[in-house]
Amino acid sequence: MSLHVQEYGNPNAPSLVFLHALGFSSWMWTAQIEALQSDFHCLTIDLPANGESYRTEWQSFRHTADLIAPIIQQRTAQGKAHLIGLSLGGYAALHMLAAYPDLLESVLVSGVTAHPFKPVWRWITAVTVPLMTWRPLATFNARIMGRLMQLPPEVAPLYLRDAQRASRRSYARVYAEVLTFEAAPSAAHKRLLVVAGDQEVRTIQESLRTFAAFPNTQAALVPKAHHAWNGEQPELFTEMIRAWVNYADLPSALQVVQPAAQPVIA
């Protein structure tokens, strides 16, 4: 069992591994890959049940980490990578950080929570998950994503395709873990940057203060940004990646978040 991987740039350069959001696939990173491949070795991975990995059923985040680990070991020059994930990909990256820290140079995630969602979200997903692969809903979501992420018309069919490829069982398994996820620092904590758009749901925004209290971790809020803001503000997202992996100052547009005095439970 393996995942679909695409490779760009110089294989001897520092490696960046990109993990996409749920219902998307690696095409969502097109702007970042085009801008970064001249300086980095870039790998995009289609996660289980998504994109060209849709035949691999989603089992769990730990199982997904077990599938990602050999890709980093075998396809990067140093057997290590900077891991970049958004939404589903962000949670997958955090599980990699917990399970395989020695394979990571650093981790950058966007749109994730540090604490479980309120119980009402379980009711919401119980209603919506059975409809996720329904074509009219997928078409409506494609239009919304196209407007928010400023997607070119030719990309809409890719979103529509990806949204319908994952099985309902896979969607249900993903949400069962996401809604109950609770982040925890570890003794082997590598450099971690957690960001979120200021238009995100409250649970995600408030989680930044918890992450900021973790060792070796920075957190920042992105102005005028929704969940999939790498498409809304591709230049800023790319600038953030470049600064982070080069140990440079983060873009001034990002608003640094201070640690919470006490854990914040949304």
C-alpha atoms as a PDB file:
ATOM      1  CA  MET A   1       0.000   0.000   0.000  1.00  0.00           C
ATOM      2  CA  SER A   2       1.489   3.365  -1.029  1.00  0.00           C
ATOM      3  CA  LEU A   3       0.467   6.966  -1.533  1.00  0.00           C
ATOM      4  CA  HIS A   4       0.636   9.036  -4.713  1.00  0.00           C
ATOM      5  CA  VAL A   5       3.687  11.333  -4.664  1.00  0.00           C
ATOM      6  CA  GLN A   6       4.810  14.082  -7.036  1.00  0.00           C
ATOM      7  CA  GLU A   7       8.358  15.413  -6.976  1.00  0.00           C
ATOM      8  CA  TYR A   8       9.803  18.766  -8.085  1.00  0.00           C
ATOM      9  CA  GLY A   9      13.071  20.666  -7.934  1.00  0.00           C
ATOM     10  CA  ASN A  10      16.597  19.613  -7.028  1.00  0.00           C
ATOM     11  CA  PRO A  11      16.589  16.284  -5.127  1.00  0.00           C
ATOM     12  CA  ASN A  12      19.770  17.330  -3.317  1.00  0.00           C
ATOM     13  CA  ALA A  13      18.269  20.572  -1.974  1.00  0.00           C
ATOM     14  CA  PRO A  14      16.439  20.823   1.380  1.00  0.00           C
ATOM     15  CA  SER A  15      13.169  18.918   1.139  1.00  0.00           C
ATOM     16  CA  LEU A  16       9.689  20.351   1.639  1.00  0.00           C
ATOM     17  CA  VAL A  17       6.801  17.884   1.937  1.00  0.00           C
ATOM     18  CA  PHE A  18       3.287  19.252   1.374  1.00  0.00           C
ATOM     19  CA  LEU A  19       0.102  17.676   2.800  1.00  0.00           C
ATOM     20  CA  HIS A  20      -3.243  18.902   1.469  1.00  0.00           C
ATOM     21  CA  ALA A  21      -6.695  19.550   2.966  1.00  0.00           C
ATOM     22  CA  LEU A  22      -9.607  17.094   3.071  1.00  0.00           C
ATOM     23  CA  GLY A  23     -11.464  16.795  -0.219  1.00  0.00           C
ATOM     24  CA  PHE A  24      -8.523  18.322  -2.096  1.00  0.00           C
ATOM     25  CA  SER A  25      -5.303  16.830  -3.428  1.00  0.00           C
ATOM     26  CA  SER A  26      -1.819  18.019  -4.283  1.00  0.00           C
ATOM     27  CA  TRP A  27      -2.996  20.498  -6.923  1.00  0.00           C
ATOM     28  CA  MET A  28      -3.863  22.910  -4.111  1.00  0.00           C
ATOM     29  CA  TRP A  29      -0.133  23.567  -3.639  1.00  0.00           C
ATOM     30  CA  THR A  30       0.499  24.601  -7.267  1.00  0.00           C
ATOM     31  CA  ALA A  31       1.349  28.242  -6.478  1.00  0.00           C
ATOM     32  CA  GLN A  32       3.740  27.271  -3.686  1.00  0.00           C
ATOM     33  CA  ILE A  33       5.479  24.576  -5.750  1.00  0.00           C
ATOM     34  CA  GLU A  34       5.959  26.919  -8.715  1.00  0.00           C
ATOM     35  CA  ALA A  35       7.585  29.522  -6.468  1.00  0.00           C
ATOM     36  CA  LEU A  36       9.743  27.199  -4.354  1.00  0.00           C
ATOM     37  CA  GLN A  37      10.923  24.393  -6.625  1.00  0.00           C
ATOM     38  CA  SER A  38      13.902  26.370  -7.914  1.00  0.00           C
ATOM     39  CA  ASP A  39      15.414  26.473  -4.416  1.00  0.00           C
ATOM     40  CA  PHE A  40      14.020  23.371  -2.734  1.00  0.00           C
ATOM     41  CA  HIS A  41      13.231  19.724  -3.304  1.00  0.00           C
ATOM     42  CA  CYS A  42       9.421  19.626  -3.131  1.00  0.00           C
ATOM     43  CA  LEU A  43       7.239  16.571  -2.598  1.00  0.00           C
ATOM     44  CA  THR A  44       3.455  16.604  -2.621  1.00  0.00           C
ATOM     45  CA  ILE A  45       1.587  13.619  -1.197  1.00  0.00           C
ATOM     46  CA  ASP A  46      -2.032  12.687  -1.867  1.00  0.00           C
ATOM     47  CA  LEU A  47      -3.300  11.444   1.497  1.00  0.00           C
ATOM     48  CA  PRO A  48      -5.350   8.239   1.846  1.00  0.00           C
ATOM     49  CA  ALA A  49      -8.844   8.418   0.294  1.00  0.00           C
ATOM     50  CA  ASN A  50      -7.912  11.660  -1.482  1.00  0.00           C
ATOM     51  CA  GLY A  51      -6.723  12.583  -4.963  1.00  0.00           C
ATOM     52  CA  GLU A  52      -4.801   9.808  -6.709  1.00  0.00           C
ATOM     53  CA  SER A  53      -4.555   7.928  -3.382  1.00  0.00           C
ATOM     54  CA  TYR A  54      -8.342   7.521  -3.276  1.00  0.00           C
ATOM     55  CA  ARG A  55      -8.134   3.732  -3.552  1.00  0.00           C
ATOM     56  CA  THR A  56      -6.297   3.627  -0.210  1.00  0.00           C
ATOM     57  CA  GLU A  57      -9.033   3.776   2.409  1.00  0.00           C
ATOM     58  CA  TRP A  58      -8.525   6.220   5.272  1.00  0.00           C
ATOM     59  CA  GLN A  59      -7.893   4.295   8.488  1.00  0.00           C
ATOM     60  CA  SER A  60      -6.415   6.733  10.989  1.00  0.00           C
ATOM     61  CA  PHE A  61      -3.921   9.545  11.365  1.00  0.00           C
ATOM     62  CA  ARG A  62      -1.381   7.143  12.846  1.00  0.00           C
ATOM     63  CA  HIS A  63      -1.766   4.818   9.864  1.00  0.00           C
ATOM     64  CA  THR A  64      -1.322   7.832   7.574  1.00  0.00           C
ATOM     65  CA  ALA A  65       1.869   8.811   9.417  1.00  0.00           C
ATOM     66  CA  ASP A  66       3.132   5.270   8.906  1.00  0.00           C
ATOM     67  CA  LEU A  67       2.599   5.692   5.146  1.00  0.00           C
ATOM     68  CA  ILE A  68       4.264   9.115   4.987  1.00  0.00           C
ATOM     69  CA  ALA A  69       7.365   8.105   6.969  1.00  0.00           C
ATOM     70  CA  PRO A  70       8.957   5.826   4.323  1.00  0.00           C
ATOM     71  CA  ILE A  71       8.355   8.468   1.636  1.00  0.00           C
ATOM     72  CA  ILE A  72      10.488  10.935   3.604  1.00  0.00           C
ATOM     73  CA  GLN A  73      13.085   8.290   4.404  1.00  0.00           C
ATOM     74  CA  GLN A  74      13.453   7.062   0.841  1.00  0.00           C
ATOM     75  CA  ARG A  75      12.875  10.129  -1.329  1.00  0.00           C
ATOM     76  CA  THR A  76      14.803  12.889   0.431  1.00  0.00           C
ATOM     77  CA  ALA A  77      18.578  13.351   0.320  1.00  0.00           C
ATOM     78  CA  GLN A  78      19.020  13.468   4.092  1.00  0.00           C
ATOM     79  CA  GLY A  79      16.083  11.278   5.076  1.00  0.00           C
ATOM     80  CA  LYS A  80      14.472  14.355   6.626  1.00  0.00           C
ATOM     81  CA  ALA A  81      12.083  17.071   5.505  1.00  0.00           C
ATOM     82  CA  HIS A  82      10.314  20.261   6.448  1.00  0.00           C
ATOM     83  CA  LEU A  83       6.651  19.223   6.664  1.00  0.00           C
ATOM     84  CA  ILE A  84       3.894  21.631   5.600  1.00  0.00           C
ATOM     85  CA  GLY A  85       0.216  20.807   6.109  1.00  0.00           C
ATOM     86  CA  LEU A  86      -3.115  22.582   5.908  1.00  0.00           C
ATOM     87  CA  SER A  87      -6.306  21.378   7.636  1.00  0.00           C
ATOM     88  CA  LEU A  88      -6.316  17.573   7.196  1.00  0.00           C
ATOM     89  CA  GLY A  89      -2.682  17.817   6.161  1.00  0.00           C
ATOM     90  CA  GLY A  90      -1.954  19.873   9.261  1.00  0.00           C
ATOM     91  CA  TYR A  91      -3.337  17.199  11.567  1.00  0.00           C
ATOM     92  CA  ALA A  92      -1.399  14.553   9.639  1.00  0.00           C
ATOM     93  CA  ALA A  93       1.752  16.647  10.124  1.00  0.00           C
ATOM     94  CA  LEU A  94       1.157  16.918  13.875  1.00  0.00           C
ATOM     95  CA  HIS A  95       0.777  13.139  14.078  1.00  0.00           C
ATOM     96  CA  MET A  96       4.046  12.798  12.164  1.00  0.00           C
ATOM     97  CA  LEU A  97       5.645  15.128  14.700  1.00  0.00           C
ATOM     98  CA  ALA A  98       4.502  12.844  17.507  1.00  0.00           C
ATOM     99  CA  ALA A  99       5.314   9.516  15.829  1.00  0.00           C
ATOM    100  CA  TYR A 100       8.380  10.276  13.669  1.00  0.00           C
ATOM    101  CA  PRO A 101      10.152  13.411  14.977  1.00  0.00           C
ATOM    102  CA  ASP A 102      13.557  12.196  13.770  1.00  0.00           C
ATOM    103  CA  LEU A 103      12.367  12.438  10.149  1.00  0.00           C
ATOM    104  CA  LEU A 104      11.464  16.109  10.451  1.00  0.00           C
ATOM    105  CA  GLU A 105      13.532  19.263  10.232  1.00  0.00           C
ATOM    106  CA  SER A 106      10.506  21.370  11.136  1.00  0.00           C
ATOM    107  CA  VAL A 107       6.719  21.453  10.863  1.00  0.00           C
ATOM    108  CA  LEU A 108       4.421  24.222   9.604  1.00  0.00           C
ATOM    109  CA  VAL A 109       0.671  23.753   9.937  1.00  0.00           C
ATOM    110  CA  SER A 110      -2.386  25.899   9.284  1.00  0.00           C
ATOM    111  CA  GLY A 111      -6.034  25.516  10.264  1.00  0.00           C
ATOM    112  CA  VAL A 112      -5.736  23.002  13.107  1.00  0.00           C
ATOM    113  CA  THR A 113      -7.039  22.822  16.654  1.00  0.00           C
ATOM    114  CA  ALA A 114      -5.286  22.084  19.926  1.00  0.00           C
ATOM    115  CA  HIS A 115      -8.463  21.010  21.727  1.00  0.00           C
ATOM    116  CA  PRO A 116     -11.572  18.979  20.918  1.00  0.00           C
ATOM    117  CA  PHE A 117     -14.445  20.770  19.218  1.00  0.00           C
ATOM    118  CA  LYS A 118     -17.636  21.395  21.138  1.00  0.00           C
ATOM    119  CA  PRO A 119     -20.145  18.488  21.043  1.00  0.00           C
ATOM    120  CA  VAL A 120     -22.447  20.396  18.688  1.00  0.00           C
ATOM    121  CA  TRP A 121     -19.888  19.856  15.904  1.00  0.00           C
ATOM    122  CA  ARG A 122     -20.408  16.101  16.178  1.00  0.00           C
ATOM    123  CA  TRP A 123     -24.084  16.618  15.398  1.00  0.00           C
ATOM    124  CA  ILE A 124     -23.218  18.889  12.498  1.00  0.00           C
ATOM    125  CA  THR A 125     -20.819  16.386  10.950  1.00  0.00           C
ATOM    126  CA  ALA A 126     -23.245  13.513  11.546  1.00  0.00           C
ATOM    127  CA  VAL A 127     -25.663  15.348   9.253  1.00  0.00           C
ATOM    128  CA  THR A 128     -23.169  16.618   6.682  1.00  0.00           C
ATOM    129  CA  VAL A 129     -20.827  13.625   6.237  1.00  0.00           C
ATOM    130  CA  PRO A 130     -23.433  11.487   4.407  1.00  0.00           C
ATOM    131  CA  LEU A 131     -23.817  14.380   1.939  1.00  0.00           C
ATOM    132  CA  MET A 132     -20.116  15.083   1.335  1.00  0.00           C
ATOM    133  CA  THR A 133     -19.961  13.035  -1.879  1.00  0.00           C
ATOM    134  CA  TRP A 134     -23.357  14.224  -3.150  1.00  0.00           C
ATOM    135  CA  ARG A 135     -22.673  15.986  -6.438  1.00  0.00           C
ATOM    136  CA  PRO A 136     -24.946  19.040  -5.907  1.00  0.00           C
ATOM    137  CA  LEU A 137     -23.251  19.789  -2.575  1.00  0.00           C
ATOM    138  CA  ALA A 138     -19.790  19.187  -4.025  1.00  0.00           C
ATOM    139  CA  THR A 139     -20.636  21.544  -6.908  1.00  0.00           C
ATOM    140  CA  PHE A 140     -21.822  24.231  -4.485  1.00  0.00           C
ATOM    141  CA  ASN A 141     -18.653  23.856  -2.397  1.00  0.00           C
ATOM    142  CA  ALA A 142     -16.541  24.064  -5.550  1.00  0.00           C
ATOM    143  CA  ARG A 143     -18.095  27.446  -6.333  1.00  0.00           C
ATOM    144  CA  ILE A 144     -17.459  28.689  -2.797  1.00  0.00           C
ATOM    145  CA  MET A 145     -13.867  27.434  -2.851  1.00  0.00           C
ATOM    146  CA  GLY A 146     -13.344  28.959  -6.260  1.00  0.00           C
ATOM    147  CA  ARG A 147     -14.409  32.374  -5.009  1.00  0.00           C
ATOM    148  CA  LEU A 148     -12.559  32.259  -1.677  1.00  0.00           C
ATOM    149  CA  MET A 149      -9.350  30.774  -3.044  1.00  0.00           C
ATOM    150  CA  GLN A 150      -9.515  32.615  -6.361  1.00  0.00           C
ATOM    151  CA  LEU A 151      -9.171  29.330  -8.201  1.00  0.00           C
ATOM    152  CA  PRO A 152      -8.900  29.437 -11.982  1.00  0.00           C
ATOM    153  CA  PRO A 153     -11.865  27.867 -13.816  1.00  0.00           C
ATOM    154  CA  GLU A 154      -9.853  24.833 -14.903  1.00  0.00           C
ATOM    155  CA  VAL A 155      -9.241  23.846 -11.273  1.00  0.00           C
ATOM    156  CA  ALA A 156     -12.934  23.583 -10.323  1.00  0.00           C
ATOM    157  CA  PRO A 157     -13.301  20.138 -11.960  1.00  0.00           C
ATOM    158  CA  LEU A 158     -10.330  18.912  -9.917  1.00  0.00           C
ATOM    159  CA  TYR A 159     -11.979  20.006  -6.679  1.00  0.00           C
ATOM    160  CA  LEU A 160     -15.269  18.430  -7.753  1.00  0.00           C
ATOM    161  CA  ARG A 161     -13.457  15.195  -8.606  1.00  0.00           C
ATOM    162  CA  ASP A 162     -11.534  15.077  -5.332  1.00  0.00           C
ATOM    163  CA  ALA A 163     -14.521  15.952  -3.155  1.00  0.00           C
ATOM    164  CA  GLN A 164     -16.406  12.963  -4.525  1.00  0.00           C
ATOM    165  CA  ARG A 165     -13.575  10.449  -4.526  1.00  0.00           C
ATOM    166  CA  ALA A 166     -13.300   9.912  -0.784  1.00  0.00           C
ATOM    167  CA  SER A 167     -15.787   7.441   0.632  1.00  0.00           C
ATOM    168  CA  ARG A 168     -18.313   8.432   3.264  1.00  0.00           C
ATOM    169  CA  ARG A 169     -16.626   6.020   5.638  1.00  0.00           C
ATOM    170  CA  SER A 170     -13.308   7.818   5.133  1.00  0.00           C
ATOM    171  CA  TYR A 171     -14.913  11.218   5.771  1.00  0.00           C
ATOM    172  CA  ALA A 172     -16.528   9.854   8.944  1.00  0.00           C
ATOM    173  CA  ARG A 173     -13.241   8.421  10.210  1.00  0.00           C
ATOM    174  CA  VAL A 174     -11.380  11.667   9.581  1.00  0.00           C
ATOM    175  CA  TYR A 175     -13.944  13.813  11.390  1.00  0.00           C
ATOM    176  CA  ALA A 176     -14.143  11.378  14.314  1.00  0.00           C
ATOM    177  CA  GLU A 177     -10.446  11.981  14.986  1.00  0.00           C
ATOM    178  CA  VAL A 178     -10.351  15.685  14.147  1.00  0.00           C
ATOM    179  CA  LEU A 179     -13.271  16.587  16.409  1.00  0.00           C
ATOM    180  CA  THR A 180     -11.675  14.878  19.412  1.00  0.00           C
ATOM    181  CA  PHE A 181      -8.045  15.806  18.703  1.00  0.00           C
ATOM    182  CA  GLU A 182      -6.008  17.246  21.559  1.00  0.00           C
ATOM    183  CA  ALA A 183      -2.463  18.419  20.918  1.00  0.00           C
ATOM    184  CA  ALA A 184       0.326  17.759  23.368  1.00  0.00           C
ATOM    185  CA  PRO A 185       4.011  18.748  23.327  1.00  0.00           C
ATOM    186  CA  SER A 186       6.652  16.042  23.501  1.00  0.00           C
ATOM    187  CA  ALA A 187      10.232  15.827  24.722  1.00  0.00           C
ATOM    188  CA  ALA A 188      11.381  15.470  21.102  1.00  0.00           C
ATOM    189  CA  HIS A 189       9.476  18.523  19.910  1.00  0.00           C
ATOM    190  CA  LYS A 190      10.963  19.935  16.696  1.00  0.00           C
ATOM    191  CA  ARG A 191      10.470  23.493  15.437  1.00  0.00           C
ATOM    192  CA  LEU A 192       6.751  24.039  14.955  1.00  0.00           C
ATOM    193  CA  LEU A 193       4.878  26.960  13.415  1.00  0.00           C
ATOM    194  CA  VAL A 194       1.091  27.024  13.751  1.00  0.00           C
ATOM    195  CA  VAL A 195      -0.933  29.633  11.864  1.00  0.00           C
ATOM    196  CA  ALA A 196      -4.599  30.315  11.210  1.00  0.00           C
ATOM    197  CA  GLY A 197      -6.648  32.821   9.264  1.00  0.00           C
ATOM    198  CA  ASP A 198      -8.569  35.443  11.206  1.00  0.00           C
ATOM    199  CA  GLN A 199     -11.736  34.214   9.464  1.00  0.00           C
ATOM    200  CA  GLU A 200     -11.356  30.694  10.877  1.00  0.00           C
ATOM    201  CA  VAL A 201     -13.775  29.189  13.396  1.00  0.00           C
ATOM    202  CA  ARG A 202     -13.207  30.244  17.003  1.00  0.00           C
ATOM    203  CA  THR A 203     -11.804  26.885  18.118  1.00  0.00           C
ATOM    204  CA  ILE A 204      -8.989  27.077  15.578  1.00  0.00           C
ATOM    205  CA  GLN A 205      -8.135  30.707  16.325  1.00  0.00           C
ATOM    206  CA  GLU A 206      -8.068  30.231  20.090  1.00  0.00           C
ATOM    207  CA  SER A 207      -5.930  27.115  19.760  1.00  0.00           C
ATOM    208  CA  LEU A 208      -3.066  29.331  18.623  1.00  0.00           C
ATOM    209  CA  ARG A 209      -2.518  30.531  22.187  1.00  0.00           C
ATOM    210  CA  THR A 210      -2.218  26.951  23.409  1.00  0.00           C
ATOM    211  CA  PHE A 211       0.230  25.986  20.667  1.00  0.00           C
ATOM    212  CA  ALA A 212       2.282  29.101  21.393  1.00  0.00           C
ATOM    213  CA  ALA A 213       2.990  27.729  24.876  1.00  0.00           C
ATOM    214  CA  PHE A 214       4.544  24.540  23.482  1.00  0.00           C
ATOM    215  CA  PRO A 215       8.360  24.299  23.452  1.00  0.00           C
ATOM    216  CA  ASN A 216      10.119  25.390  20.278  1.00  0.00           C
ATOM    217  CA  THR A 217       6.816  26.607  18.834  1.00  0.00           C
ATOM    218  CA  GLN A 218       5.578  29.840  17.283  1.00  0.00           C
ATOM    219  CA  ALA A 219       1.973  30.772  16.481  1.00  0.00           C
ATOM    220  CA  ALA A 220       0.556  33.517  14.285  1.00  0.00           C
ATOM    221  CA  LEU A 221      -2.757  34.855  13.004  1.00  0.00           C
ATOM    222  CA  VAL A 222      -3.146  35.732   9.326  1.00  0.00           C
ATOM    223  CA  PRO A 223      -5.276  38.835   8.585  1.00  0.00           C
ATOM    224  CA  LYS A 224      -8.106  38.603   6.049  1.00  0.00           C
ATOM    225  CA  ALA A 225      -7.649  34.866   5.628  1.00  0.00           C
ATOM    226  CA  HIS A 226     -10.067  31.947   5.597  1.00  0.00           C
ATOM    227  CA  HIS A 227      -9.313  28.253   6.083  1.00  0.00           C
ATOM    228  CA  ALA A 228      -7.577  27.479   2.760  1.00  0.00           C
ATOM    229  CA  TRP A 229      -5.702  30.756   2.608  1.00  0.00           C
ATOM    230  CA  ASN A 230      -2.755  29.423   0.611  1.00  0.00           C
ATOM    231  CA  GLY A 231      -5.027  30.041  -2.388  1.00  0.00           C
ATOM    232  CA  GLU A 232      -6.358  33.388  -1.161  1.00  0.00           C
ATOM    233  CA  GLN A 233      -2.928  34.818  -0.412  1.00  0.00           C
ATOM    234  CA  PRO A 234      -0.450  32.550  -2.217  1.00  0.00           C
ATOM    235  CA  GLU A 235       2.448  35.001  -2.172  1.00  0.00           C
ATOM    236  CA  LEU A 236       2.213  35.503   1.595  1.00  0.00           C
ATOM    237  CA  PHE A 237       1.883  31.764   2.230  1.00  0.00           C
ATOM    238  CA  THR A 238       4.949  31.097   0.100  1.00  0.00           C
ATOM    239  CA  GLU A 239       6.914  33.913   1.764  1.00  0.00           C
ATOM    240  CA  MET A 240       6.029  32.410   5.145  1.00  0.00           C
ATOM    241  CA  ILE A 241       7.305  28.969   4.124  1.00  0.00           C
ATOM    242  CA  ARG A 242      10.548  30.375   2.743  1.00  0.00           C
ATOM    243  CA  ALA A 243      11.202  32.436   5.879  1.00  0.00           C
ATOM    244  CA  TRP A 244      10.361  29.556   8.208  1.00  0.00           C
ATOM    245  CA  VAL A 245      12.608  26.940   6.612  1.00  0.00           C
ATOM    246  CA  ASN A 246      15.450  29.455   6.274  1.00  0.00           C
ATOM    247  CA  TYR A 247      15.251  30.456   9.960  1.00  0.00           C
ATOM    248  CA  ALA A 248      14.428  34.031   8.942  1.00  0.00           C
ATOM    249  CA  ASP A 249      11.915  36.454  10.441  1.00  0.00           C
ATOM    250  CA  LEU A 250       8.324  35.664   9.530  1.00  0.00           C
ATOM    251  CA  PRO A 251       6.507  38.079   7.197  1.00  0.00           C
ATOM    252  CA  SER A 252       5.428  41.236   9.008  1.00  0.00           C
ATOM    253  CA  ALA A 253       1.821  40.670   7.857  1.00  0.00           C
ATOM    254  CA  LEU A 254       1.511  37.762  10.290  1.00  0.00           C
ATOM    255  CA  GLN A 255       0.361  38.691  13.791  1.00  0.00           C
ATOM    256  CA  VAL A 256       2.396  36.827  16.395  1.00  0.00           C
ATOM    257  CA  VAL A 257       0.222  35.150  19.061  1.00  0.00           C
ATOM    258  CA  GLN A 258       1.345  35.078  22.685  1.00  0.00           C
ATOM    259  CA  PRO A 259       1.016  31.920  24.827  1.00  0.00           C
ATOM    260  CA  ALA A 260      -2.082  31.403  26.937  1.00  0.00           C
ATOM    261  CA  ALA A 261      -1.588  31.688  30.670  1.00  0.00           C
ATOM    262  CA  GLN A 262      -3.906  28.702  31.006  1.00  0.00           C
ATOM    263  CA  PRO A 263      -4.949  26.220  28.296  1.00  0.00           C
ATOM    264  CA  VAL A 264      -7.768  27.646  26.238  1.00  0.00           C
ATOM    265  CA  ILE A 265     -10.719  25.291  25.744  1.00  0.00           C
ATOM    266  CA  ALA A 266     -13.139  26.540  23.103  1.00  0.00           C
END
